Amino acid sequence: LRCRLYSTSWTRPHQVTMLTRCSGHSRTAQHFPVPESLLEEATVQPYVHNCFVNVREGRHVYRFCIFFKRHLHLRANMLLSRGNNKFRGDAVVMRIGVNNPSVVNMRGRDNALADFIIHQ
């Protein structure tokens, strides 16, 4: 599924494809992301944090899941750092479906919303 990756290796975020596991073949089947496939330096920090964010815009609610690694010994991420606050590690933003509480493909405007979320 398409997601937004904020990598320590890049100077700008990219839309990439994340591996997922699927619970079935029906349209309502849930997708389970595998963020370890995108996040670097598993030997320094093998586990991945996640959090959920809702963005309200008028009467619309957009739901996202953020996966990230953050550790003192990871490389500084210039995309996520501000001033003296250095964020060390990578982050990935995925869209959560409206009718199905599972991750779905990111569409056109979702990249701009992901950029907004990640800098808050």
PDB file of N, CA and C in Angstrom:
ATOM      1  N   LEU A   1       0.832  -1.189   0.000  1.00  0.00           N
ATOM      2  CA  LEU A   1       0.000   0.000   0.000  1.00  0.00           C
ATOM      3  C   LEU A   1       0.874   1.249   0.000  1.00  0.00           C
ATOM      4  N   ARG A   2       0.376   2.304  -0.615  1.00  0.00           N
ATOM      5  CA  ARG A   2       1.141   3.562  -0.687  1.00  0.00           C
ATOM      6  C   ARG A   2       1.115   4.272   0.670  1.00  0.00           C
ATOM      7  N   CYS A   3       2.272   4.818   1.039  1.00  0.00           N
ATOM      8  CA  CYS A   3       2.412   5.561   2.295  1.00  0.00           C
ATOM      9  C   CYS A   3       3.448   6.659   2.075  1.00  0.00           C
ATOM     10  N   ARG A   4       3.645   7.496   3.082  1.00  0.00           N
ATOM     11  CA  ARG A   4       4.589   8.622   3.008  1.00  0.00           C
ATOM     12  C   ARG A   4       5.751   8.322   3.945  1.00  0.00           C
ATOM     13  N   LEU A   5       6.969   8.255   3.401  1.00  0.00           N
ATOM     14  CA  LEU A   5       8.164   7.920   4.179  1.00  0.00           C
ATOM     15  C   LEU A   5       9.027   9.151   4.374  1.00  0.00           C
ATOM     16  N   TYR A   6       9.403   9.396   5.633  1.00  0.00           N
ATOM     17  CA  TYR A   6      10.311  10.473   6.019  1.00  0.00           C
ATOM     18  C   TYR A   6      11.588   9.797   6.497  1.00  0.00           C
ATOM     19  N   SER A   7      12.529   9.622   5.574  1.00  0.00           N
ATOM     20  CA  SER A   7      13.735   8.851   5.840  1.00  0.00           C
ATOM     21  C   SER A   7      14.925   9.751   6.174  1.00  0.00           C
ATOM     22  N   THR A   8      15.825   9.233   6.984  1.00  0.00           N
ATOM     23  CA  THR A   8      17.060   9.962   7.310  1.00  0.00           C
ATOM     24  C   THR A   8      17.975  10.026   6.097  1.00  0.00           C
ATOM     25  N   SER A   9      17.731   9.190   5.105  1.00  0.00           N
ATOM     26  CA  SER A   9      18.593   9.131   3.914  1.00  0.00           C
ATOM     27  C   SER A   9      18.209  10.137   2.843  1.00  0.00           C
ATOM     28  N   TRP A  10      17.061  10.774   2.967  1.00  0.00           N
ATOM     29  CA  TRP A  10      16.550  11.649   1.917  1.00  0.00           C
ATOM     30  C   TRP A  10      16.414  13.088   2.389  1.00  0.00           C
ATOM     31  N   THR A  11      16.365  13.997   1.428  1.00  0.00           N
ATOM     32  CA  THR A  11      16.209  15.416   1.746  1.00  0.00           C
ATOM     33  C   THR A  11      14.753  15.873   1.639  1.00  0.00           C
ATOM     34  N   ARG A  12      13.869  14.992   1.166  1.00  0.00           N
ATOM     35  CA  ARG A  12      12.441  15.298   1.134  1.00  0.00           C
ATOM     36  C   ARG A  12      11.661  14.002   1.273  1.00  0.00           C
ATOM     37  N   PRO A  13      10.412  14.067   1.731  1.00  0.00           N
ATOM     38  CA  PRO A  13       9.628  12.838   1.891  1.00  0.00           C
ATOM     39  C   PRO A  13       9.231  12.251   0.538  1.00  0.00           C
ATOM     40  N   HIS A  14       9.007  10.950   0.515  1.00  0.00           N
ATOM     41  CA  HIS A  14       8.623  10.251  -0.712  1.00  0.00           C
ATOM     42  C   HIS A  14       7.403   9.370  -0.457  1.00  0.00           C
ATOM     43  N   GLN A  15       6.598   9.209  -1.496  1.00  0.00           N
ATOM     44  CA  GLN A  15       5.528   8.229  -1.425  1.00  0.00           C
ATOM     45  C   GLN A  15       6.115   6.892  -1.869  1.00  0.00           C
ATOM     46  N   VAL A  16       6.004   5.898  -1.016  1.00  0.00           N
ATOM     47  CA  VAL A  16       6.572   4.575  -1.283  1.00  0.00           C
ATOM     48  C   VAL A  16       5.508   3.514  -1.022  1.00  0.00           C
ATOM     49  N   THR A  17       5.835   2.290  -1.361  1.00  0.00           N
ATOM     50  CA  THR A  17       4.918   1.174  -1.136  1.00  0.00           C
ATOM     51  C   THR A  17       5.393   0.359   0.058  1.00  0.00           C
ATOM     52  N   MET A  18       4.476   0.130   1.003  1.00  0.00           N
ATOM     53  CA  MET A  18       4.791  -0.673   2.180  1.00  0.00           C
ATOM     54  C   MET A  18       4.192  -2.067   2.012  1.00  0.00           C
ATOM     55  N   LEU A  19       4.955  -3.063   2.412  1.00  0.00           N
ATOM     56  CA  LEU A  19       4.445  -4.429   2.418  1.00  0.00           C
ATOM     57  C   LEU A  19       3.338  -4.550   3.455  1.00  0.00           C
ATOM     58  N   THR A  20       2.309  -5.325   3.138  1.00  0.00           N
ATOM     59  CA  THR A  20       1.225  -5.579   4.089  1.00  0.00           C
ATOM     60  C   THR A  20       0.853  -7.044   4.052  1.00  0.00           C
ATOM     61  N   ARG A  21       0.264  -7.503   5.132  1.00  0.00           N
ATOM     62  CA  ARG A  21      -0.331  -8.834   5.195  1.00  0.00           C
ATOM     63  C   ARG A  21      -1.835  -8.630   5.164  1.00  0.00           C
ATOM     64  N   CYS A  22      -2.542  -9.498   4.477  1.00  0.00           N
ATOM     65  CA  CYS A  22      -3.980  -9.348   4.304  1.00  0.00           C
ATOM     66  C   CYS A  22      -4.693 -10.498   5.000  1.00  0.00           C
ATOM     67  N   SER A  23      -5.824 -10.194   5.666  1.00  0.00           N
ATOM     68  CA  SER A  23      -6.564 -11.215   6.411  1.00  0.00           C
ATOM     69  C   SER A  23      -7.481 -12.046   5.529  1.00  0.00           C
ATOM     70  N   GLY A  24      -7.621 -11.690   4.276  1.00  0.00           N
ATOM     71  CA  GLY A  24      -8.485 -12.458   3.375  1.00  0.00           C
ATOM     72  C   GLY A  24      -8.509 -11.846   1.990  1.00  0.00           C
ATOM     73  N   HIS A  25      -9.402 -12.358   1.152  1.00  0.00           N
ATOM     74  CA  HIS A  25      -9.477 -11.892  -0.230  1.00  0.00           C
ATOM     75  C   HIS A  25     -10.682 -10.998  -0.490  1.00  0.00           C
ATOM     76  N   SER A  26     -11.526 -10.789   0.501  1.00  0.00           N
ATOM     77  CA  SER A  26     -12.725  -9.967   0.291  1.00  0.00           C
ATOM     78  C   SER A  26     -12.379  -8.493   0.345  1.00  0.00           C
ATOM     79  N   ARG A  27     -13.305  -7.670  -0.095  1.00  0.00           N
ATOM     80  CA  ARG A  27     -13.111  -6.215  -0.096  1.00  0.00           C
ATOM     81  C   ARG A  27     -12.974  -5.657   1.319  1.00  0.00           C
ATOM     82  N   THR A  28     -13.574  -6.333   2.298  1.00  0.00           N
ATOM     83  CA  THR A  28     -13.531  -5.857   3.686  1.00  0.00           C
ATOM     84  C   THR A  28     -12.369  -6.456   4.479  1.00  0.00           C
ATOM     85  N   ALA A  29     -11.503  -7.220   3.820  1.00  0.00           N
ATOM     86  CA  ALA A  29     -10.367  -7.819   4.515  1.00  0.00           C
ATOM     87  C   ALA A  29      -9.446  -6.733   5.059  1.00  0.00           C
ATOM     88  N   GLN A  30      -8.892  -6.990   6.235  1.00  0.00           N
ATOM     89  CA  GLN A  30      -7.982  -6.016   6.847  1.00  0.00           C
ATOM     90  C   GLN A  30      -6.561  -6.213   6.325  1.00  0.00           C
ATOM     91  N   HIS A  31      -5.844  -5.087   6.198  1.00  0.00           N
ATOM     92  CA  HIS A  31      -4.438  -5.098   5.817  1.00  0.00           C
ATOM     93  C   HIS A  31      -3.610  -4.755   7.048  1.00  0.00           C
ATOM     94  N   PHE A  32      -2.575  -5.534   7.280  1.00  0.00           N
ATOM     95  CA  PHE A  32      -1.686  -5.306   8.413  1.00  0.00           C
ATOM     96  C   PHE A  32      -0.326  -4.886   7.873  1.00  0.00           C
ATOM     97  N   PRO A  33       0.083  -3.635   8.131  1.00  0.00           N
ATOM     98  CA  PRO A  33       1.342  -3.135   7.570  1.00  0.00           C
ATOM     99  C   PRO A  33       2.562  -3.786   8.213  1.00  0.00           C
ATOM    100  N   VAL A  34       3.645  -3.809   7.457  1.00  0.00           N
ATOM    101  CA  VAL A  34       4.940  -4.316   7.933  1.00  0.00           C
ATOM    102  C   VAL A  34       5.933  -3.148   7.843  1.00  0.00           C
ATOM    103  N   PRO A  35       5.906  -2.215   8.816  1.00  0.00           N
ATOM    104  CA  PRO A  35       6.759  -1.027   8.726  1.00  0.00           C
ATOM    105  C   PRO A  35       8.248  -1.344   8.794  1.00  0.00           C
ATOM    106  N   GLU A  36       8.606  -2.488   9.347  1.00  0.00           N
ATOM    107  CA  GLU A  36      10.019  -2.872   9.406  1.00  0.00           C
ATOM    108  C   GLU A  36      10.630  -2.985   8.009  1.00  0.00           C
ATOM    109  N   SER A  37       9.776  -3.174   7.007  1.00  0.00           N
ATOM    110  CA  SER A  37      10.281  -3.290   5.637  1.00  0.00           C
ATOM    111  C   SER A  37      10.815  -1.954   5.102  1.00  0.00           C
ATOM    112  N   LEU A  38      10.424  -0.843   5.726  1.00  0.00           N
ATOM    113  CA  LEU A  38      10.856   0.483   5.266  1.00  0.00           C
ATOM    114  C   LEU A  38      11.799   1.194   6.225  1.00  0.00           C
ATOM    115  N   LEU A  39      11.644   0.957   7.508  1.00  0.00           N
ATOM    116  CA  LEU A  39      12.433   1.681   8.506  1.00  0.00           C
ATOM    117  C   LEU A  39      13.809   1.055   8.649  1.00  0.00           C
ATOM    118  N   GLU A  40      14.831   1.901   8.686  1.00  0.00           N
ATOM    119  CA  GLU A  40      16.218   1.440   8.662  1.00  0.00           C
ATOM    120  C   GLU A  40      16.762   1.126  10.054  1.00  0.00           C
ATOM    121  N   GLU A  41      17.938   0.538  10.063  1.00  0.00           N
ATOM    122  CA  GLU A  41      18.759   0.306  11.247  1.00  0.00           C
ATOM    123  C   GLU A  41      18.068  -0.548  12.309  1.00  0.00           C
ATOM    124  N   ALA A  42      17.656  -1.746  11.908  1.00  0.00           N
ATOM    125  CA  ALA A  42      16.999  -2.673  12.838  1.00  0.00           C
ATOM    126  C   ALA A  42      17.943  -3.161  13.927  1.00  0.00           C
ATOM    127  N   THR A  43      19.245  -3.115  13.682  1.00  0.00           N
ATOM    128  CA  THR A  43      20.181  -3.574  14.711  1.00  0.00           C
ATOM    129  C   THR A  43      20.287  -2.571  15.851  1.00  0.00           C
ATOM    130  N   VAL A  44      20.108  -1.293  15.564  1.00  0.00           N
ATOM    131  CA  VAL A  44      20.177  -0.268  16.611  1.00  0.00           C
ATOM    132  C   VAL A  44      18.879  -0.255  17.413  1.00  0.00           C
ATOM    133  N   GLN A  45      17.745  -0.277  16.712  1.00  0.00           N
ATOM    134  CA  GLN A  45      16.455  -0.304  17.387  1.00  0.00           C
ATOM    135  C   GLN A  45      15.531  -1.250  16.610  1.00  0.00           C
ATOM    136  N   PRO A  46      15.305  -2.449  17.132  1.00  0.00           N
ATOM    137  CA  PRO A  46      14.520  -3.436  16.392  1.00  0.00           C
ATOM    138  C   PRO A  46      13.014  -3.203  16.422  1.00  0.00           C
ATOM    139  N   TYR A  47      12.512  -2.476  17.390  1.00  0.00           N
ATOM    140  CA  TYR A  47      11.061  -2.299  17.497  1.00  0.00           C
ATOM    141  C   TYR A  47      10.617  -0.958  16.925  1.00  0.00           C
ATOM    142  N   VAL A  48       9.335  -0.894  16.598  1.00  0.00           N
ATOM    143  CA  VAL A  48       8.752   0.272  15.944  1.00  0.00           C
ATOM    144  C   VAL A  48       7.619   0.811  16.808  1.00  0.00           C
ATOM    145  N   HIS A  49       7.610   2.121  17.019  1.00  0.00           N
ATOM    146  CA  HIS A  49       6.517   2.784  17.736  1.00  0.00           C
ATOM    147  C   HIS A  49       5.416   3.117  16.738  1.00  0.00           C
ATOM    148  N   ASN A  50       4.189   3.256  17.234  1.00  0.00           N
ATOM    149  CA  ASN A  50       3.118   3.732  16.362  1.00  0.00           C
ATOM    150  C   ASN A  50       2.136   4.574  17.163  1.00  0.00           C
ATOM    151  N   CYS A  51       1.448   5.455  16.461  1.00  0.00           N
ATOM    152  CA  CYS A  51       0.401   6.265  17.075  1.00  0.00           C
ATOM    153  C   CYS A  51      -0.646   6.581  16.013  1.00  0.00           C
ATOM    154  N   PHE A  52      -1.831   6.943  16.461  1.00  0.00           N
ATOM    155  CA  PHE A  52      -2.930   7.261  15.564  1.00  0.00           C
ATOM    156  C   PHE A  52      -3.274   8.740  15.685  1.00  0.00           C
ATOM    157  N   VAL A  53      -3.592   9.357  14.537  1.00  0.00           N
ATOM    158  CA  VAL A  53      -3.887  10.790  14.495  1.00  0.00           C
ATOM    159  C   VAL A  53      -5.159  11.002  13.675  1.00  0.00           C
ATOM    160  N   ASN A  54      -6.049  11.840  14.186  1.00  0.00           N
ATOM    161  CA  ASN A  54      -7.235  12.271  13.441  1.00  0.00           C
ATOM    162  C   ASN A  54      -7.057  13.723  13.037  1.00  0.00           C
ATOM    163  N   VAL A  55      -7.356  14.040  11.798  1.00  0.00           N
ATOM    164  CA  VAL A  55      -7.316  15.416  11.302  1.00  0.00           C
ATOM    165  C   VAL A  55      -8.746  15.800  10.938  1.00  0.00           C
ATOM    166  N   ARG A  56      -9.237  16.862  11.555  1.00  0.00           N
ATOM    167  CA  ARG A  56     -10.584  17.345  11.250  1.00  0.00           C
ATOM    168  C   ARG A  56     -10.477  18.568  10.355  1.00  0.00           C
ATOM    169  N   GLU A  57     -11.211  18.511   9.258  1.00  0.00           N
ATOM    170  CA  GLU A  57     -11.252  19.624   8.326  1.00  0.00           C
ATOM    171  C   GLU A  57     -12.719  19.830   7.958  1.00  0.00           C
ATOM    172  N   GLY A  58     -13.331  20.831   8.583  1.00  0.00           N
ATOM    173  CA  GLY A  58     -14.769  21.008   8.401  1.00  0.00           C
ATOM    174  C   GLY A  58     -15.495  19.821   8.999  1.00  0.00           C
ATOM    175  N   ARG A  59     -16.334  19.184   8.210  1.00  0.00           N
ATOM    176  CA  ARG A  59     -17.051  18.004   8.723  1.00  0.00           C
ATOM    177  C   ARG A  59     -16.349  16.698   8.367  1.00  0.00           C
ATOM    178  N   HIS A  60     -15.203  16.784   7.694  1.00  0.00           N
ATOM    179  CA  HIS A  60     -14.446  15.590   7.314  1.00  0.00           C
ATOM    180  C   HIS A  60     -13.434  15.226   8.395  1.00  0.00           C
ATOM    181  N   VAL A  61     -13.285  13.939   8.634  1.00  0.00           N
ATOM    182  CA  VAL A  61     -12.276  13.436   9.563  1.00  0.00           C
ATOM    183  C   VAL A  61     -11.380  12.471   8.796  1.00  0.00           C
ATOM    184  N   TYR A  62     -10.098  12.750   8.808  1.00  0.00           N
ATOM    185  CA  TYR A  62      -9.112  11.899   8.155  1.00  0.00           C
ATOM    186  C   TYR A  62      -8.315  11.201   9.246  1.00  0.00           C
ATOM    187  N   ARG A  63      -8.147   9.898   9.126  1.00  0.00           N
ATOM    188  CA  ARG A  63      -7.435   9.117  10.141  1.00  0.00           C
ATOM    189  C   ARG A  63      -6.134   8.578   9.559  1.00  0.00           C
ATOM    190  N   PHE A  64      -5.070   8.691  10.347  1.00  0.00           N
ATOM    191  CA  PHE A  64      -3.753   8.240   9.915  1.00  0.00           C
ATOM    192  C   PHE A  64      -3.090   7.436  11.025  1.00  0.00           C
ATOM    193  N   CYS A  65      -2.167   6.591  10.635  1.00  0.00           N
ATOM    194  CA  CYS A  65      -1.316   5.863  11.575  1.00  0.00           C
ATOM    195  C   CYS A  65       0.121   6.233  11.253  1.00  0.00           C
ATOM    196  N   ILE A  66       0.876   6.571  12.282  1.00  0.00           N
ATOM    197  CA  ILE A  66       2.280   6.935  12.109  1.00  0.00           C
ATOM    198  C   ILE A  66       3.142   5.859  12.763  1.00  0.00           C
ATOM    199  N   PHE A  67       4.065   5.300  12.002  1.00  0.00           N
ATOM    200  CA  PHE A  67       5.045   4.346  12.511  1.00  0.00           C
ATOM    201  C   PHE A  67       6.383   5.065  12.544  1.00  0.00           C
ATOM    202  N   PHE A  68       7.138   4.885  13.624  1.00  0.00           N
ATOM    203  CA  PHE A  68       8.431   5.570  13.687  1.00  0.00           C
ATOM    204  C   PHE A  68       9.398   4.840  14.599  1.00  0.00           C
ATOM    205  N   LYS A  69      10.667   5.105  14.352  1.00  0.00           N
ATOM    206  CA  LYS A  69      11.752   4.688  15.239  1.00  0.00           C
ATOM    207  C   LYS A  69      12.385   5.955  15.769  1.00  0.00           C
ATOM    208  N   ARG A  70      12.716   5.944  17.049  1.00  0.00           N
ATOM    209  CA  ARG A  70      13.364   7.110  17.656  1.00  0.00           C
ATOM    210  C   ARG A  70      14.339   6.599  18.707  1.00  0.00           C
ATOM    211  N   HIS A  71      15.603   6.900  18.478  1.00  0.00           N
ATOM    212  CA  HIS A  71      16.637   6.402  19.380  1.00  0.00           C
ATOM    213  C   HIS A  71      17.852   7.314  19.295  1.00  0.00           C
ATOM    214  N   LEU A  72      18.535   7.483  20.396  1.00  0.00           N
ATOM    215  CA  LEU A  72      19.702   8.362  20.484  1.00  0.00           C
ATOM    216  C   LEU A  72      20.790   7.977  19.485  1.00  0.00           C
ATOM    217  N   HIS A  73      20.924   6.691  19.175  1.00  0.00           N
ATOM    218  CA  HIS A  73      21.996   6.234  18.300  1.00  0.00           C
ATOM    219  C   HIS A  73      21.585   6.130  16.830  1.00  0.00           C
ATOM    220  N   LEU A  74      20.358   6.521  16.493  1.00  0.00           N
ATOM    221  CA  LEU A  74      19.946   6.564  15.091  1.00  0.00           C
ATOM    222  C   LEU A  74      20.387   7.878  14.466  1.00  0.00           C
ATOM    223  N   ARG A  75      20.451   7.918  13.147  1.00  0.00           N
ATOM    224  CA  ARG A  75      20.853   9.139  12.450  1.00  0.00           C
ATOM    225  C   ARG A  75      19.792  10.225  12.606  1.00  0.00           C
ATOM    226  N   ALA A  76      20.224  11.473  12.630  1.00  0.00           N
ATOM    227  CA  ALA A  76      19.300  12.606  12.723  1.00  0.00           C
ATOM    228  C   ALA A  76      18.495  12.702  11.434  1.00  0.00           C
ATOM    229  N   ASN A  77      17.215  12.982  11.578  1.00  0.00           N
ATOM    230  CA  ASN A  77      16.324  13.123  10.436  1.00  0.00           C
ATOM    231  C   ASN A  77      16.062  14.612  10.228  1.00  0.00           C
ATOM    232  N   MET A  78      16.675  15.180   9.200  1.00  0.00           N
ATOM    233  CA  MET A  78      16.533  16.614   8.938  1.00  0.00           C
ATOM    234  C   MET A  78      15.106  16.998   8.540  1.00  0.00           C
ATOM    235  N   LEU A  79      14.336  16.036   8.034  1.00  0.00           N
ATOM    236  CA  LEU A  79      12.948  16.309   7.644  1.00  0.00           C
ATOM    237  C   LEU A  79      12.057  16.534   8.866  1.00  0.00           C
ATOM    238  N   LEU A  80      12.434  15.933   9.996  1.00  0.00           N
ATOM    239  CA  LEU A  80      11.591  15.987  11.193  1.00  0.00           C
ATOM    240  C   LEU A  80      12.199  16.800  12.326  1.00  0.00           C
ATOM    241  N   SER A  81      13.393  17.293  12.144  1.00  0.00           N
ATOM    242  CA  SER A  81      14.074  18.071  13.187  1.00  0.00           C
ATOM    243  C   SER A  81      13.751  19.552  13.030  1.00  0.00           C
ATOM    244  N   ARG A  82      13.689  20.232  14.172  1.00  0.00           N
ATOM    245  CA  ARG A  82      13.479  21.683  14.186  1.00  0.00           C
ATOM    246  C   ARG A  82      14.420  22.314  15.191  1.00  0.00           C
ATOM    247  N   GLY A  83      15.188  23.273  14.734  1.00  0.00           N
ATOM    248  CA  GLY A  83      16.099  23.986  15.640  1.00  0.00           C
ATOM    249  C   GLY A  83      17.007  23.039  16.381  1.00  0.00           C
ATOM    250  N   ASN A  84      16.991  23.139  17.724  1.00  0.00           N
ATOM    251  CA  ASN A  84      17.823  22.271  18.555  1.00  0.00           C
ATOM    252  C   ASN A  84      17.194  20.914  18.819  1.00  0.00           C
ATOM    253  N   ASN A  85      15.920  20.731  18.446  1.00  0.00           N
ATOM    254  CA  ASN A  85      15.243  19.449  18.639  1.00  0.00           C
ATOM    255  C   ASN A  85      15.560  18.525  17.474  1.00  0.00           C
ATOM    256  N   LYS A  86      16.441  17.590  17.717  1.00  0.00           N
ATOM    257  CA  LYS A  86      16.840  16.637  16.682  1.00  0.00           C
ATOM    258  C   LYS A  86      15.987  15.373  16.825  1.00  0.00           C
ATOM    259  N   PHE A  87      15.287  15.023  15.749  1.00  0.00           N
ATOM    260  CA  PHE A  87      14.559  13.753  15.712  1.00  0.00           C
ATOM    261  C   PHE A  87      15.487  12.733  15.084  1.00  0.00           C
ATOM    262  N   ARG A  88      15.746  11.652  15.787  1.00  0.00           N
ATOM    263  CA  ARG A  88      16.675  10.629  15.308  1.00  0.00           C
ATOM    264  C   ARG A  88      15.901   9.381  14.936  1.00  0.00           C
ATOM    265  N   GLY A  89      15.796   9.131  13.620  1.00  0.00           N
ATOM    266  CA  GLY A  89      15.096   7.947  13.135  1.00  0.00           C
ATOM    267  C   GLY A  89      14.194   8.281  11.961  1.00  0.00           C
ATOM    268  N   ASP A  90      13.513   7.266  11.444  1.00  0.00           N
ATOM    269  CA  ASP A  90      12.616   7.402  10.304  1.00  0.00           C
ATOM    270  C   ASP A  90      11.171   7.396  10.777  1.00  0.00           C
ATOM    271  N   ALA A  91      10.273   7.858   9.905  1.00  0.00           N
ATOM    272  CA  ALA A  91       8.837   7.828  10.186  1.00  0.00           C
ATOM    273  C   ALA A  91       8.082   7.516   8.898  1.00  0.00           C
ATOM    274  N   VAL A  92       6.952   6.849   9.047  1.00  0.00           N
ATOM    275  CA  VAL A  92       6.073   6.507   7.931  1.00  0.00           C
ATOM    276  C   VAL A  92       4.646   6.860   8.327  1.00  0.00           C
ATOM    277  N   VAL A  93       3.919   7.507   7.413  1.00  0.00           N
ATOM    278  CA  VAL A  93       2.513   7.854   7.652  1.00  0.00           C
ATOM    279  C   VAL A  93       1.657   7.036   6.698  1.00  0.00           C
ATOM    280  N   MET A  94       0.632   6.367   7.260  1.00  0.00           N
ATOM    281  CA  MET A  94      -0.316   5.599   6.452  1.00  0.00           C
ATOM    282  C   MET A  94      -1.732   6.075   6.727  1.00  0.00           C
ATOM    283  N   ARG A  95      -2.591   5.971   5.749  1.00  0.00           N
ATOM    284  CA  ARG A  95      -3.990   6.374   5.874  1.00  0.00           C
ATOM    285  C   ARG A  95      -4.801   5.208   6.407  1.00  0.00           C
ATOM    286  N   ILE A  96      -5.743   5.509   7.302  1.00  0.00           N
ATOM    287  CA  ILE A  96      -6.684   4.518   7.832  1.00  0.00           C
ATOM    288  C   ILE A  96      -8.008   4.714   7.110  1.00  0.00           C
ATOM    289  N   GLY A  97      -8.665   3.629   6.727  1.00  0.00           N
ATOM    290  CA  GLY A  97      -9.921   3.696   6.003  1.00  0.00           C
ATOM    291  C   GLY A  97     -11.066   4.254   6.833  1.00  0.00           C
ATOM    292  N   VAL A  98     -12.082   4.744   6.150  1.00  0.00           N
ATOM    293  CA  VAL A  98     -13.257   5.306   6.818  1.00  0.00           C
ATOM    294  C   VAL A  98     -14.192   4.197   7.278  1.00  0.00           C
ATOM    295  N   ASN A  99     -14.528   3.290   6.376  1.00  0.00           N
ATOM    296  CA  ASN A  99     -15.473   2.216   6.698  1.00  0.00           C
ATOM    297  C   ASN A  99     -14.796   0.976   7.248  1.00  0.00           C
ATOM    298  N   ASN A 100     -13.531   0.797   6.942  1.00  0.00           N
ATOM    299  CA  ASN A 100     -12.784  -0.365   7.380  1.00  0.00           C
ATOM    300  C   ASN A 100     -11.620   0.133   8.239  1.00  0.00           C
ATOM    301  N   PRO A 101     -11.540  -0.280   9.496  1.00  0.00           N
ATOM    302  CA  PRO A 101     -10.479   0.246  10.379  1.00  0.00           C
ATOM    303  C   PRO A 101      -9.112  -0.356  10.079  1.00  0.00           C
ATOM    304  N   SER A 102      -8.730  -0.336   8.842  1.00  0.00           N
ATOM    305  CA  SER A 102      -7.471  -0.900   8.384  1.00  0.00           C
ATOM    306  C   SER A 102      -6.751   0.146   7.546  1.00  0.00           C
ATOM    307  N   VAL A 103      -5.467  -0.075   7.304  1.00  0.00           N
ATOM    308  CA  VAL A 103      -4.725   0.852   6.455  1.00  0.00           C
ATOM    309  C   VAL A 103      -5.178   0.703   5.011  1.00  0.00           C
ATOM    310  N   VAL A 104      -5.167   1.831   4.291  1.00  0.00           N
ATOM    311  CA  VAL A 104      -5.566   1.856   2.881  1.00  0.00           C
ATOM    312  C   VAL A 104      -4.535   2.671   2.104  1.00  0.00           C
ATOM    313  N   ASN A 105      -4.629   2.641   0.782  1.00  0.00           N
ATOM    314  CA  ASN A 105      -3.740   3.434  -0.060  1.00  0.00           C
ATOM    315  C   ASN A 105      -3.936   4.924   0.184  1.00  0.00           C
ATOM    316  N   MET A 106      -2.830   5.655   0.177  1.00  0.00           N
ATOM    317  CA  MET A 106      -2.924   7.115   0.263  1.00  0.00           C
ATOM    318  C   MET A 106      -3.285   7.650  -1.104  1.00  0.00           C
ATOM    319  N   ARG A 107      -4.150   8.663  -1.111  1.00  0.00           N
ATOM    320  CA  ARG A 107      -4.590   9.271  -2.359  1.00  0.00           C
ATOM    321  C   ARG A 107      -4.045  10.688  -2.453  1.00  0.00           C
ATOM    322  N   GLY A 108      -4.465  11.407  -3.494  1.00  0.00           N
ATOM    323  CA  GLY A 108      -3.949  12.724  -3.849  1.00  0.00           C
ATOM    324  C   GLY A 108      -3.619  13.664  -2.714  1.00  0.00           C
ATOM    325  N   ARG A 109      -4.598  14.090  -1.963  1.00  0.00           N
ATOM    326  CA  ARG A 109      -4.401  15.127  -0.947  1.00  0.00           C
ATOM    327  C   ARG A 109      -3.794  14.592   0.351  1.00  0.00           C
ATOM    328  N   ASP A 110      -3.744  13.277   0.485  1.00  0.00           N
ATOM    329  CA  ASP A 110      -3.237  12.672   1.716  1.00  0.00           C
ATOM    330  C   ASP A 110      -1.770  13.013   1.982  1.00  0.00           C
ATOM    331  N   ASN A 111      -0.979  13.206   0.933  1.00  0.00           N
ATOM    332  CA  ASN A 111       0.433  13.576   1.141  1.00  0.00           C
ATOM    333  C   ASN A 111       0.554  14.919   1.839  1.00  0.00           C
ATOM    334  N   ALA A 112      -0.263  15.877   1.417  1.00  0.00           N
ATOM    335  CA  ALA A 112      -0.231  17.198   2.062  1.00  0.00           C
ATOM    336  C   ALA A 112      -0.693  17.096   3.512  1.00  0.00           C
ATOM    337  N   LEU A 113      -1.704  16.285   3.784  1.00  0.00           N
ATOM    338  CA  LEU A 113      -2.170  16.097   5.167  1.00  0.00           C
ATOM    339  C   LEU A 113      -1.098  15.394   5.999  1.00  0.00           C
ATOM    340  N   ALA A 114      -0.410  14.427   5.418  1.00  0.00           N
ATOM    341  CA  ALA A 114       0.669  13.735   6.131  1.00  0.00           C
ATOM    342  C   ALA A 114       1.792  14.699   6.486  1.00  0.00           C
ATOM    343  N   ASP A 115       2.151  15.580   5.552  1.00  0.00           N
ATOM    344  CA  ASP A 115       3.176  16.584   5.832  1.00  0.00           C
ATOM    345  C   ASP A 115       2.751  17.522   6.954  1.00  0.00           C
ATOM    346  N   PHE A 116       1.475  17.880   6.969  1.00  0.00           N
ATOM    347  CA  PHE A 116       0.936  18.742   8.027  1.00  0.00           C
ATOM    348  C   PHE A 116       1.034  18.024   9.381  1.00  0.00           C
ATOM    349  N   ILE A 117       0.606  16.770   9.420  1.00  0.00           N
ATOM    350  CA  ILE A 117       0.600  15.994  10.668  1.00  0.00           C
ATOM    351  C   ILE A 117       2.008  15.842  11.216  1.00  0.00           C
ATOM    352  N   ILE A 118       2.930  15.463  10.370  1.00  0.00           N
ATOM    353  CA  ILE A 118       4.271  15.097  10.825  1.00  0.00           C
ATOM    354  C   ILE A 118       5.023  16.300  11.406  1.00  0.00           C
ATOM    355  N   HIS A 119       4.618  17.520  11.046  1.00  0.00           N
ATOM    356  CA  HIS A 119       5.302  18.706  11.574  1.00  0.00           C
ATOM    357  C   HIS A 119       4.580  19.351  12.736  1.00  0.00           C
ATOM    358  N   GLN A 120       3.542  18.717  13.236  1.00  0.00           N
ATOM    359  CA  GLN A 120       2.825  19.247  14.402  1.00  0.00           C
ATOM    360  C   GLN A 120       3.413  18.721  15.688  1.00  0.00           C
TER     361      GLN A 120
END
